Amino acid sequence: MKLNLEDKKTPAQLLMAYEQIFPGIHPEWIDGVIGIKALPGWLHGNVTSQILRAVGGLFHRRKASNGEGGWWIATEISVQYLNTDRILQADLAGWKRDQHSQPPDGFPVSVRPDWVCEVCHTTRKKDRELVPDTLSKAGVPYYWFVDAEELFLEVWELQMDKSWKITKILTEKNEEQFIQPFVTRTLSPKQLLQKDW
């Protein structure tokens, strides 16, 4: 199949055309260039699944009186970030329902997430440099950097000057606690990070 780029005017159109030609490959748009997101292995997929079960299980629903819910949470979602020339695919992203009555829609999603989580295994440089730079410019308030190999979670909080402050570094040995931005219920770092095999 031949890739015809002449009628593709936007980065989103180029990425959609690329995915049609190469199904299963997830392209990203980074400063005017198509990049390919690293294919996840077992370790990455396992840790991402654990975080989705723990966080999504409590928060991916309407807000309840007990503090659960209040978020739209998605995996492997392409987001076009304002104030950048970047469309990145987040491992996990969340939007507060009190600010968004409907889940974000379209490709790519153009609504800024309130939280992004990247689980790194082979992508440390990207997830420590390019992703935080992108999220900062777009005003995403919270970022979780999770190292799937070393099994730790860093909670990054965006400051007023658009710099990042790492507010927590957690391992599976930490006690259950409130973890930003999910502060209405405690989360267990062991549930988020423990190897389950």
N, C-alpha and C. Protein backbone atom coordinates (compact mmCIF):
# COMPACT_ATOMS: atom_id res chain seq x y z
N MET A 1 0.85 -1.17 0.00
CA MET A 1 0.00 0.00 0.00
C MET A 1 0.90 1.24 0.00
N LYS A 2 0.58 2.19 -0.85
CA LYS A 2 1.38 3.41 -0.97
C LYS A 2 0.82 4.48 -0.04
N LEU A 3 1.71 5.16 0.67
CA LEU A 3 1.32 6.22 1.59
C LEU A 3 1.28 7.54 0.84
N ASN A 4 0.08 8.10 0.65
CA ASN A 4 -0.09 9.37 -0.04
C ASN A 4 -0.20 10.47 1.01
N LEU A 5 0.82 11.30 1.10
CA LEU A 5 0.86 12.35 2.11
C LEU A 5 0.44 13.71 1.57
N GLU A 6 0.19 13.80 0.27
CA GLU A 6 -0.10 15.10 -0.33
C GLU A 6 -1.36 15.74 0.22
N ASP A 7 -2.37 14.93 0.54
CA ASP A 7 -3.63 15.51 1.03
C ASP A 7 -3.68 15.57 2.56
N LYS A 8 -2.61 15.20 3.23
CA LYS A 8 -2.58 15.22 4.69
C LYS A 8 -2.01 16.58 5.13
N LYS A 9 -2.85 17.36 5.77
CA LYS A 9 -2.47 18.74 6.11
C LYS A 9 -2.03 18.91 7.56
N THR A 10 -2.47 18.05 8.45
CA THR A 10 -2.16 18.23 9.86
C THR A 10 -1.35 17.04 10.38
N PRO A 11 -0.65 17.23 11.48
CA PRO A 11 0.06 16.09 12.08
C PRO A 11 -0.88 14.93 12.40
N ALA A 12 -2.08 15.22 12.86
CA ALA A 12 -3.03 14.15 13.18
C ALA A 12 -3.38 13.34 11.93
N GLN A 13 -3.59 14.01 10.80
CA GLN A 13 -3.89 13.31 9.55
C GLN A 13 -2.71 12.44 9.11
N LEU A 14 -1.51 12.95 9.28
CA LEU A 14 -0.32 12.16 8.93
C LEU A 14 -0.22 10.91 9.81
N LEU A 15 -0.47 11.07 11.10
CA LEU A 15 -0.38 9.92 12.01
C LEU A 15 -1.45 8.88 11.70
N MET A 16 -2.66 9.34 11.38
CA MET A 16 -3.73 8.38 11.04
C MET A 16 -3.36 7.62 9.76
N ALA A 17 -2.81 8.32 8.76
CA ALA A 17 -2.40 7.66 7.53
C ALA A 17 -1.29 6.64 7.81
N TYR A 18 -0.37 7.01 8.65
CA TYR A 18 0.74 6.11 9.01
C TYR A 18 0.21 4.84 9.67
N GLU A 19 -0.76 5.00 10.58
CA GLU A 19 -1.34 3.83 11.27
C GLU A 19 -2.10 2.93 10.31
N GLN A 20 -2.68 3.50 9.26
CA GLN A 20 -3.39 2.67 8.27
C GLN A 20 -2.40 1.82 7.48
N ILE A 21 -1.25 2.37 7.21
CA ILE A 21 -0.24 1.64 6.45
C ILE A 21 0.46 0.60 7.33
N PHE A 22 0.71 0.96 8.58
CA PHE A 22 1.43 0.09 9.51
C PHE A 22 0.57 -0.19 10.72
N PRO A 23 -0.45 -1.05 10.59
CA PRO A 23 -1.33 -1.31 11.73
C PRO A 23 -0.55 -1.91 12.90
N GLY A 24 -0.93 -1.49 14.10
CA GLY A 24 -0.26 -1.99 15.30
C GLY A 24 0.95 -1.18 15.70
N ILE A 25 1.41 -0.30 14.82
CA ILE A 25 2.52 0.59 15.14
C ILE A 25 1.91 1.93 15.53
N HIS A 26 2.32 2.47 16.66
CA HIS A 26 1.71 3.69 17.17
C HIS A 26 2.67 4.87 17.02
N PRO A 27 2.43 5.68 15.99
CA PRO A 27 3.32 6.82 15.77
C PRO A 27 3.00 7.99 16.70
N GLU A 28 4.01 8.80 16.92
CA GLU A 28 3.86 10.04 17.68
C GLU A 28 4.41 11.17 16.82
N TRP A 29 3.99 12.38 17.09
CA TRP A 29 4.46 13.56 16.37
C TRP A 29 5.31 14.36 17.34
N ILE A 30 6.60 14.47 17.04
CA ILE A 30 7.52 15.14 17.95
C ILE A 30 8.29 16.21 17.18
N ASP A 31 7.88 17.45 17.39
CA ASP A 31 8.57 18.60 16.78
C ASP A 31 8.72 18.47 15.27
N GLY A 32 7.63 18.10 14.60
CA GLY A 32 7.63 18.04 13.14
C GLY A 32 8.09 16.73 12.54
N VAL A 33 8.36 15.73 13.37
CA VAL A 33 8.87 14.45 12.88
C VAL A 33 8.00 13.32 13.43
N ILE A 34 7.73 12.32 12.58
CA ILE A 34 7.01 11.15 13.06
C ILE A 34 7.98 10.26 13.82
N GLY A 35 7.61 9.92 15.04
CA GLY A 35 8.40 9.00 15.85
C GLY A 35 7.55 7.79 16.17
N ILE A 36 8.18 6.69 16.47
CA ILE A 36 7.46 5.46 16.79
C ILE A 36 7.62 5.18 18.28
N LYS A 37 6.50 5.01 18.95
CA LYS A 37 6.52 4.68 20.37
C LYS A 37 7.08 3.27 20.52
N ALA A 38 7.96 3.09 21.50
CA ALA A 38 8.55 1.78 21.74
C ALA A 38 7.45 0.75 22.04
N LEU A 39 7.58 -0.41 21.45
CA LEU A 39 6.60 -1.47 21.69
C LEU A 39 6.79 -2.00 23.10
N PRO A 40 5.71 -2.13 23.86
CA PRO A 40 5.84 -2.57 25.24
C PRO A 40 6.13 -4.06 25.35
N GLY A 41 6.96 -4.40 26.33
CA GLY A 41 7.22 -5.80 26.64
C GLY A 41 6.39 -6.22 27.84
N TRP A 42 6.64 -7.44 28.32
CA TRP A 42 5.89 -7.98 29.44
C TRP A 42 5.97 -7.09 30.66
N LEU A 43 7.18 -6.69 31.03
CA LEU A 43 7.38 -5.90 32.25
C LEU A 43 6.57 -4.61 32.20
N HIS A 44 6.67 -3.89 31.10
CA HIS A 44 5.93 -2.65 30.90
C HIS A 44 4.43 -2.90 30.99
N GLY A 45 3.96 -3.90 30.27
CA GLY A 45 2.53 -4.20 30.24
C GLY A 45 2.00 -4.62 31.60
N ASN A 46 2.79 -5.39 32.35
CA ASN A 46 2.37 -5.86 33.66
C ASN A 46 2.22 -4.70 34.64
N VAL A 47 3.22 -3.82 34.70
CA VAL A 47 3.16 -2.69 35.63
C VAL A 47 2.05 -1.73 35.22
N THR A 48 1.91 -1.46 33.93
CA THR A 48 0.83 -0.58 33.47
C THR A 48 -0.53 -1.15 33.86
N SER A 49 -0.71 -2.45 33.70
CA SER A 49 -1.97 -3.10 34.08
C SER A 49 -2.24 -2.97 35.57
N GLN A 50 -1.21 -3.14 36.39
CA GLN A 50 -1.39 -3.03 37.84
C GLN A 50 -1.81 -1.62 38.23
N ILE A 51 -1.19 -0.61 37.61
CA ILE A 51 -1.56 0.77 37.92
C ILE A 51 -2.99 1.04 37.47
N LEU A 52 -3.35 0.55 36.28
CA LEU A 52 -4.71 0.75 35.80
C LEU A 52 -5.72 0.09 36.73
N ARG A 53 -5.44 -1.13 37.18
CA ARG A 53 -6.36 -1.82 38.10
C ARG A 53 -6.52 -1.04 39.40
N ALA A 54 -5.39 -0.59 39.97
CA ALA A 54 -5.43 0.09 41.27
C ALA A 54 -6.08 1.47 41.15
N VAL A 55 -5.60 2.28 40.23
CA VAL A 55 -6.11 3.65 40.08
C VAL A 55 -7.48 3.64 39.40
N GLY A 56 -7.59 2.93 38.29
CA GLY A 56 -8.85 2.89 37.57
C GLY A 56 -9.97 2.25 38.38
N GLY A 57 -9.61 1.23 39.17
CA GLY A 57 -10.62 0.56 39.98
C GLY A 57 -11.28 1.47 40.99
N LEU A 58 -10.52 2.43 41.50
CA LEU A 58 -11.08 3.36 42.49
C LEU A 58 -11.64 4.64 41.88
N PHE A 59 -11.04 5.11 40.81
CA PHE A 59 -11.33 6.47 40.37
C PHE A 59 -11.99 6.60 39.00
N HIS A 60 -11.97 5.59 38.16
CA HIS A 60 -12.53 5.69 36.80
C HIS A 60 -14.04 5.45 36.84
N ARG A 61 -14.76 6.40 37.41
CA ARG A 61 -16.23 6.36 37.48
C ARG A 61 -16.72 7.68 38.05
N ARG A 62 -18.05 7.80 38.14
CA ARG A 62 -18.62 9.01 38.74
C ARG A 62 -18.16 9.11 40.20
N LYS A 63 -18.06 10.33 40.67
CA LYS A 63 -17.63 10.56 42.04
C LYS A 63 -18.70 10.07 43.02
N ALA A 64 -18.26 9.33 44.01
CA ALA A 64 -19.16 8.80 45.05
C ALA A 64 -18.90 9.54 46.36
N SER A 65 -19.81 9.41 47.29
CA SER A 65 -19.69 10.10 48.57
C SER A 65 -18.49 9.62 49.39
N ASN A 66 -18.00 8.41 49.11
CA ASN A 66 -16.84 7.90 49.84
C ASN A 66 -15.51 8.36 49.27
N GLY A 67 -15.54 9.23 48.28
CA GLY A 67 -14.31 9.77 47.70
C GLY A 67 -13.83 9.03 46.47
N GLU A 68 -14.44 7.89 46.16
CA GLU A 68 -14.03 7.17 44.96
C GLU A 68 -14.61 7.84 43.73
N GLY A 69 -13.96 7.60 42.62
CA GLY A 69 -14.46 8.09 41.35
C GLY A 69 -14.00 9.50 41.03
N GLY A 70 -14.65 10.08 40.02
CA GLY A 70 -14.37 11.45 39.65
C GLY A 70 -13.39 11.64 38.51
N TRP A 71 -13.00 10.55 37.84
CA TRP A 71 -12.00 10.65 36.77
C TRP A 71 -12.43 9.87 35.54
N TRP A 72 -11.94 10.34 34.38
CA TRP A 72 -11.91 9.56 33.15
C TRP A 72 -10.46 9.10 33.01
N ILE A 73 -10.22 7.81 32.91
CA ILE A 73 -8.86 7.29 32.81
C ILE A 73 -8.77 6.42 31.57
N ALA A 74 -7.73 6.62 30.77
CA ALA A 74 -7.55 5.86 29.52
C ALA A 74 -6.11 5.39 29.40
N THR A 75 -5.93 4.32 28.65
CA THR A 75 -4.59 3.81 28.36
C THR A 75 -4.26 4.02 26.88
N GLU A 76 -2.97 4.16 26.62
CA GLU A 76 -2.46 4.25 25.25
C GLU A 76 -3.27 5.22 24.40
N ILE A 77 -3.43 6.44 24.92
CA ILE A 77 -4.23 7.44 24.23
C ILE A 77 -3.33 8.53 23.65
N SER A 78 -3.56 8.89 22.42
CA SER A 78 -2.77 9.94 21.77
C SER A 78 -3.33 11.31 22.14
N VAL A 79 -2.46 12.17 22.64
CA VAL A 79 -2.86 13.50 23.08
C VAL A 79 -2.04 14.55 22.34
N GLN A 80 -2.73 15.54 21.78
CA GLN A 80 -2.06 16.68 21.16
C GLN A 80 -1.94 17.76 22.23
N TYR A 81 -0.70 18.10 22.58
CA TYR A 81 -0.45 19.02 23.68
C TYR A 81 -0.32 20.45 23.17
N LEU A 82 -1.12 21.34 23.76
CA LEU A 82 -1.06 22.75 23.41
C LEU A 82 0.31 23.32 23.76
N ASN A 83 0.68 24.37 23.09
CA ASN A 83 1.95 25.07 23.28
C ASN A 83 3.15 24.21 22.91
N THR A 84 2.92 23.13 22.17
CA THR A 84 4.01 22.28 21.68
C THR A 84 3.64 21.84 20.26
N ASP A 85 4.60 21.28 19.58
CA ASP A 85 4.36 20.65 18.28
C ASP A 85 4.49 19.14 18.49
N ARG A 86 3.69 18.62 19.48
CA ARG A 86 3.84 17.22 19.86
C ARG A 86 2.49 16.54 20.06
N ILE A 87 2.41 15.34 19.52
CA ILE A 87 1.31 14.42 19.79
C ILE A 87 1.96 13.17 20.35
N LEU A 88 1.76 12.92 21.63
CA LEU A 88 2.38 11.78 22.29
C LEU A 88 1.31 10.79 22.74
N GLN A 89 1.69 9.55 22.80
CA GLN A 89 0.77 8.51 23.26
C GLN A 89 1.12 8.18 24.71
N ALA A 90 0.21 8.52 25.61
CA ALA A 90 0.42 8.31 27.04
C ALA A 90 0.11 6.86 27.40
N ASP A 91 0.93 6.27 28.28
CA ASP A 91 0.61 4.94 28.79
C ASP A 91 -0.71 4.99 29.55
N LEU A 92 -0.86 5.99 30.41
CA LEU A 92 -2.09 6.24 31.14
C LEU A 92 -2.30 7.74 31.23
N ALA A 93 -3.54 8.17 31.11
CA ALA A 93 -3.86 9.59 31.27
C ALA A 93 -5.23 9.70 31.92
N GLY A 94 -5.41 10.79 32.67
CA GLY A 94 -6.67 10.98 33.36
C GLY A 94 -7.16 12.42 33.28
N TRP A 95 -8.49 12.57 33.23
CA TRP A 95 -9.15 13.85 33.21
C TRP A 95 -10.16 13.89 34.34
N LYS A 96 -10.22 14.98 35.09
CA LYS A 96 -11.19 15.11 36.18
C LYS A 96 -12.58 15.30 35.60
N ARG A 97 -13.52 14.52 36.08
CA ARG A 97 -14.88 14.59 35.55
C ARG A 97 -15.59 15.89 35.93
N ASP A 98 -15.21 16.50 37.05
CA ASP A 98 -15.88 17.76 37.41
C ASP A 98 -15.50 18.88 36.44
N GLN A 99 -14.45 18.70 35.66
CA GLN A 99 -14.07 19.68 34.65
C GLN A 99 -14.46 19.25 33.24
N HIS A 100 -14.77 17.95 33.08
CA HIS A 100 -15.10 17.40 31.76
C HIS A 100 -16.28 16.44 31.94
N SER A 101 -17.47 16.86 31.54
CA SER A 101 -18.65 16.03 31.75
C SER A 101 -18.66 14.79 30.86
N GLN A 102 -17.93 14.84 29.76
CA GLN A 102 -17.82 13.70 28.84
C GLN A 102 -16.34 13.32 28.70
N PRO A 103 -16.06 12.05 28.42
CA PRO A 103 -14.66 11.69 28.21
C PRO A 103 -14.11 12.38 26.97
N PRO A 104 -12.83 12.69 26.97
CA PRO A 104 -12.25 13.31 25.78
C PRO A 104 -12.37 12.37 24.58
N ASP A 105 -12.60 12.95 23.41
CA ASP A 105 -12.86 12.14 22.24
C ASP A 105 -12.02 12.65 21.08
N GLY A 106 -11.94 11.83 20.05
CA GLY A 106 -11.26 12.23 18.83
C GLY A 106 -9.84 11.71 18.78
N PHE A 107 -9.24 11.87 17.61
CA PHE A 107 -7.84 11.52 17.44
C PHE A 107 -7.13 12.68 16.79
N PRO A 108 -6.12 13.17 17.42
CA PRO A 108 -5.74 12.89 18.80
C PRO A 108 -6.65 13.67 19.75
N VAL A 109 -6.65 13.29 21.00
CA VAL A 109 -7.38 14.04 22.02
C VAL A 109 -6.70 15.40 22.15
N SER A 110 -7.49 16.46 22.14
CA SER A 110 -6.90 17.80 22.24
C SER A 110 -7.15 18.44 23.60
N VAL A 111 -7.83 17.72 24.49
CA VAL A 111 -8.10 18.24 25.83
C VAL A 111 -6.94 17.85 26.74
N ARG A 112 -6.38 18.83 27.40
CA ARG A 112 -5.23 18.59 28.27
C ARG A 112 -5.59 17.65 29.43
N PRO A 113 -4.83 16.57 29.64
CA PRO A 113 -5.09 15.71 30.79
C PRO A 113 -4.72 16.41 32.10
N ASP A 114 -5.30 15.92 33.19
CA ASP A 114 -4.94 16.41 34.52
C ASP A 114 -3.85 15.56 35.15
N TRP A 115 -3.58 14.41 34.54
CA TRP A 115 -2.57 13.48 35.05
C TRP A 115 -2.11 12.60 33.90
N VAL A 116 -0.80 12.37 33.83
CA VAL A 116 -0.23 11.45 32.85
C VAL A 116 0.73 10.53 33.60
N CYS A 117 0.74 9.27 33.21
CA CYS A 117 1.65 8.28 33.79
C CYS A 117 2.38 7.59 32.66
N GLU A 118 3.69 7.58 32.74
CA GLU A 118 4.51 6.83 31.79
C GLU A 118 5.25 5.74 32.55
N VAL A 119 5.15 4.53 32.05
CA VAL A 119 5.87 3.39 32.62
C VAL A 119 7.05 3.12 31.72
N CYS A 120 8.24 3.32 32.25
CA CYS A 120 9.41 3.18 31.39
C CYS A 120 10.12 1.86 31.67
N HIS A 121 10.65 1.34 30.60
CA HIS A 121 11.51 0.16 30.69
C HIS A 121 12.69 0.41 29.78
N THR A 122 12.40 0.80 28.56
CA THR A 122 13.47 1.09 27.60
C THR A 122 13.44 2.56 27.16
N THR A 123 12.59 3.36 27.77
CA THR A 123 12.37 4.74 27.29
C THR A 123 12.71 5.79 28.36
N ARG A 124 13.69 5.52 29.22
CA ARG A 124 13.99 6.42 30.33
C ARG A 124 14.29 7.85 29.87
N LYS A 125 15.12 8.01 28.86
CA LYS A 125 15.50 9.35 28.42
C LYS A 125 14.27 10.13 27.95
N LYS A 126 13.44 9.50 27.13
CA LYS A 126 12.22 10.16 26.64
C LYS A 126 11.30 10.51 27.80
N ASP A 127 11.09 9.54 28.69
CA ASP A 127 10.12 9.72 29.78
C ASP A 127 10.62 10.66 30.87
N ARG A 128 11.93 10.90 30.94
CA ARG A 128 12.49 11.83 31.92
C ARG A 128 12.75 13.22 31.35
N GLU A 129 12.80 13.34 30.02
CA GLU A 129 13.14 14.62 29.41
C GLU A 129 12.03 15.14 28.50
N LEU A 130 11.76 14.44 27.41
CA LEU A 130 10.79 14.91 26.42
C LEU A 130 9.37 14.97 27.00
N VAL A 131 8.95 13.91 27.66
CA VAL A 131 7.57 13.89 28.18
C VAL A 131 7.35 14.99 29.23
N PRO A 132 8.20 15.10 30.26
CA PRO A 132 7.97 16.18 31.23
C PRO A 132 8.02 17.58 30.60
N ASP A 133 8.92 17.78 29.64
CA ASP A 133 8.99 19.07 28.95
C ASP A 133 7.68 19.37 28.24
N THR A 134 7.13 18.37 27.56
CA THR A 134 5.87 18.53 26.84
C THR A 134 4.73 18.83 27.81
N LEU A 135 4.64 18.04 28.88
CA LEU A 135 3.55 18.21 29.84
C LEU A 135 3.63 19.56 30.54
N SER A 136 4.83 19.99 30.84
CA SER A 136 5.03 21.29 31.49
C SER A 136 4.54 22.43 30.59
N LYS A 137 4.93 22.40 29.33
CA LYS A 137 4.52 23.45 28.39
C LYS A 137 3.00 23.48 28.21
N ALA A 138 2.38 22.30 28.29
CA ALA A 138 0.93 22.21 28.11
C ALA A 138 0.16 22.46 29.41
N GLY A 139 0.86 22.51 30.54
CA GLY A 139 0.20 22.79 31.82
C GLY A 139 -0.43 21.58 32.49
N VAL A 140 0.04 20.37 32.17
CA VAL A 140 -0.48 19.17 32.84
C VAL A 140 0.03 19.19 34.28
N PRO A 141 -0.86 19.18 35.28
CA PRO A 141 -0.43 19.40 36.65
C PRO A 141 0.30 18.24 37.33
N TYR A 142 0.04 16.99 36.90
CA TYR A 142 0.66 15.85 37.58
C TYR A 142 1.20 14.85 36.58
N TYR A 143 2.38 14.31 36.92
CA TYR A 143 3.05 13.31 36.09
C TYR A 143 3.61 12.23 37.00
N TRP A 144 3.31 10.98 36.66
CA TRP A 144 3.93 9.85 37.36
C TRP A 144 4.94 9.23 36.42
N PHE A 145 6.17 9.15 36.90
CA PHE A 145 7.24 8.43 36.19
C PHE A 145 7.44 7.12 36.93
N VAL A 146 7.18 6.01 36.25
CA VAL A 146 7.28 4.69 36.87
C VAL A 146 8.38 3.91 36.16
N ASP A 147 9.33 3.44 36.93
CA ASP A 147 10.39 2.60 36.39
C ASP A 147 9.97 1.15 36.57
N ALA A 148 9.67 0.46 35.47
CA ALA A 148 9.16 -0.90 35.53
C ALA A 148 10.23 -1.90 35.94
N GLU A 149 11.48 -1.58 35.69
CA GLU A 149 12.56 -2.50 36.03
C GLU A 149 12.97 -2.36 37.50
N GLU A 150 13.18 -1.14 37.94
CA GLU A 150 13.61 -0.89 39.32
C GLU A 150 12.43 -0.83 40.28
N LEU A 151 11.22 -0.77 39.75
CA LEU A 151 9.97 -0.75 40.52
C LEU A 151 9.91 0.39 41.53
N PHE A 152 9.93 1.61 40.98
CA PHE A 152 9.66 2.77 41.81
C PHE A 152 8.78 3.74 41.03
N LEU A 153 8.10 4.60 41.79
CA LEU A 153 7.18 5.60 41.23
C LEU A 153 7.59 6.96 41.75
N GLU A 154 7.79 7.89 40.82
CA GLU A 154 8.04 9.29 41.18
C GLU A 154 6.78 10.09 40.87
N VAL A 155 6.34 10.87 41.84
CA VAL A 155 5.18 11.75 41.65
C VAL A 155 5.73 13.14 41.39
N TRP A 156 5.46 13.68 40.20
CA TRP A 156 5.92 15.00 39.80
C TRP A 156 4.73 15.95 39.85
N GLU A 157 4.95 17.12 40.43
CA GLU A 157 3.90 18.13 40.51
C GLU A 157 4.38 19.41 39.83
N LEU A 158 3.56 19.94 38.92
CA LEU A 158 3.92 21.14 38.18
C LEU A 158 3.82 22.36 39.08
N GLN A 159 4.86 23.18 39.08
CA GLN A 159 4.90 24.38 39.91
C GLN A 159 4.41 25.59 39.10
N MET A 160 4.19 26.69 39.79
CA MET A 160 3.67 27.90 39.14
C MET A 160 4.58 28.39 38.00
N ASP A 161 5.90 28.19 38.14
CA ASP A 161 6.84 28.65 37.12
C ASP A 161 7.03 27.61 35.99
N LYS A 162 6.17 26.59 35.97
CA LYS A 162 6.20 25.51 34.96
C LYS A 162 7.37 24.55 35.14
N SER A 163 8.03 24.62 36.28
CA SER A 163 9.06 23.62 36.59
C SER A 163 8.39 22.47 37.33
N TRP A 164 9.09 21.37 37.43
CA TRP A 164 8.57 20.19 38.11
C TRP A 164 9.19 20.04 39.48
N LYS A 165 8.41 19.56 40.43
CA LYS A 165 8.92 19.19 41.75
C LYS A 165 8.52 17.74 41.98
N ILE A 166 9.51 16.90 42.27
CA ILE A 166 9.21 15.51 42.61
C ILE A 166 8.80 15.49 44.07
N THR A 167 7.53 15.19 44.32
CA THR A 167 6.98 15.28 45.68
C THR A 167 7.04 13.96 46.43
N LYS A 168 7.15 12.85 45.70
CA LYS A 168 7.25 11.53 46.35
C LYS A 168 8.03 10.59 45.45
N ILE A 169 8.78 9.71 46.09
CA ILE A 169 9.40 8.58 45.41
C ILE A 169 8.97 7.35 46.21
N LEU A 170 8.24 6.45 45.56
CA LEU A 170 7.64 5.32 46.25
C LEU A 170 8.14 4.00 45.68
N THR A 171 8.23 3.01 46.56
CA THR A 171 8.51 1.63 46.16
C THR A 171 7.41 0.76 46.74
N GLU A 172 7.43 -0.52 46.40
CA GLU A 172 6.41 -1.44 46.92
C GLU A 172 6.47 -1.58 48.44
N LYS A 173 7.55 -1.13 49.06
CA LYS A 173 7.70 -1.25 50.51
C LYS A 173 7.02 -0.12 51.28
N ASN A 174 6.62 0.96 50.56
CA ASN A 174 5.95 2.07 51.24
C ASN A 174 4.55 1.68 51.68
N GLU A 175 4.10 2.32 52.74
CA GLU A 175 2.75 2.10 53.27
C GLU A 175 1.70 2.70 52.35
N GLU A 176 0.47 2.22 52.48
CA GLU A 176 -0.66 2.79 51.75
C GLU A 176 -0.78 4.27 52.13
N GLN A 177 -1.05 5.12 51.14
CA GLN A 177 -1.07 6.57 51.39
C GLN A 177 -1.80 7.30 50.27
N PHE A 178 -2.05 8.59 50.51
CA PHE A 178 -2.60 9.44 49.46
C PHE A 178 -1.47 9.76 48.48
N ILE A 179 -1.77 9.64 47.21
CA ILE A 179 -0.78 9.91 46.16
C ILE A 179 -1.42 10.87 45.18
N GLN A 180 -0.83 12.05 45.04
CA GLN A 180 -1.35 13.07 44.11
C GLN A 180 -1.44 12.50 42.70
N PRO A 181 -2.46 12.80 41.95
CA PRO A 181 -3.56 13.70 42.25
C PRO A 181 -4.78 12.99 42.87
N PHE A 182 -4.61 11.73 43.21
CA PHE A 182 -5.74 10.93 43.72
C PHE A 182 -5.74 10.98 45.25
N VAL A 183 -6.26 12.07 45.81
CA VAL A 183 -6.12 12.31 47.24
C VAL A 183 -7.40 12.09 48.04
N THR A 184 -8.43 11.52 47.42
CA THR A 184 -9.65 11.26 48.19
C THR A 184 -9.67 9.84 48.74
N ARG A 185 -8.77 8.99 48.28
CA ARG A 185 -8.62 7.63 48.80
C ARG A 185 -7.14 7.27 48.80
N THR A 186 -6.74 6.43 49.72
CA THR A 186 -5.34 6.00 49.75
C THR A 186 -5.10 4.94 48.69
N LEU A 187 -3.86 4.89 48.24
CA LEU A 187 -3.43 3.88 47.27
C LEU A 187 -2.26 3.11 47.89
N SER A 188 -2.15 1.87 47.51
CA SER A 188 -1.07 1.02 47.99
C SER A 188 0.05 0.96 46.96
N PRO A 189 1.24 1.50 47.29
CA PRO A 189 2.36 1.37 46.36
C PRO A 189 2.65 -0.09 46.02
N LYS A 190 2.39 -0.99 46.96
CA LYS A 190 2.61 -2.42 46.69
C LYS A 190 1.71 -2.90 45.56
N GLN A 191 0.44 -2.46 45.57
CA GLN A 191 -0.48 -2.83 44.49
C GLN A 191 -0.05 -2.22 43.17
N LEU A 192 0.51 -1.02 43.22
CA LEU A 192 0.91 -0.35 41.98
C LEU A 192 2.16 -0.96 41.37
N LEU A 193 3.08 -1.45 42.21
CA LEU A 193 4.42 -1.78 41.74
C LEU A 193 4.86 -3.22 41.92
N GLN A 194 4.18 -3.99 42.70
CA GLN A 194 4.65 -5.34 43.02
C GLN A 194 4.65 -6.23 41.79
N LYS A 195 5.73 -7.01 41.65
CA LYS A 195 5.73 -8.04 40.61
C LYS A 195 4.76 -9.11 41.03
N ASP A 196 3.87 -9.47 40.14
CA ASP A 196 2.84 -10.45 40.52
C ASP A 196 3.09 -11.83 39.93
N TRP A 197 4.35 -12.16 39.76
CA TRP A 197 4.65 -13.50 39.27
C TRP A 197 5.71 -14.12 40.15
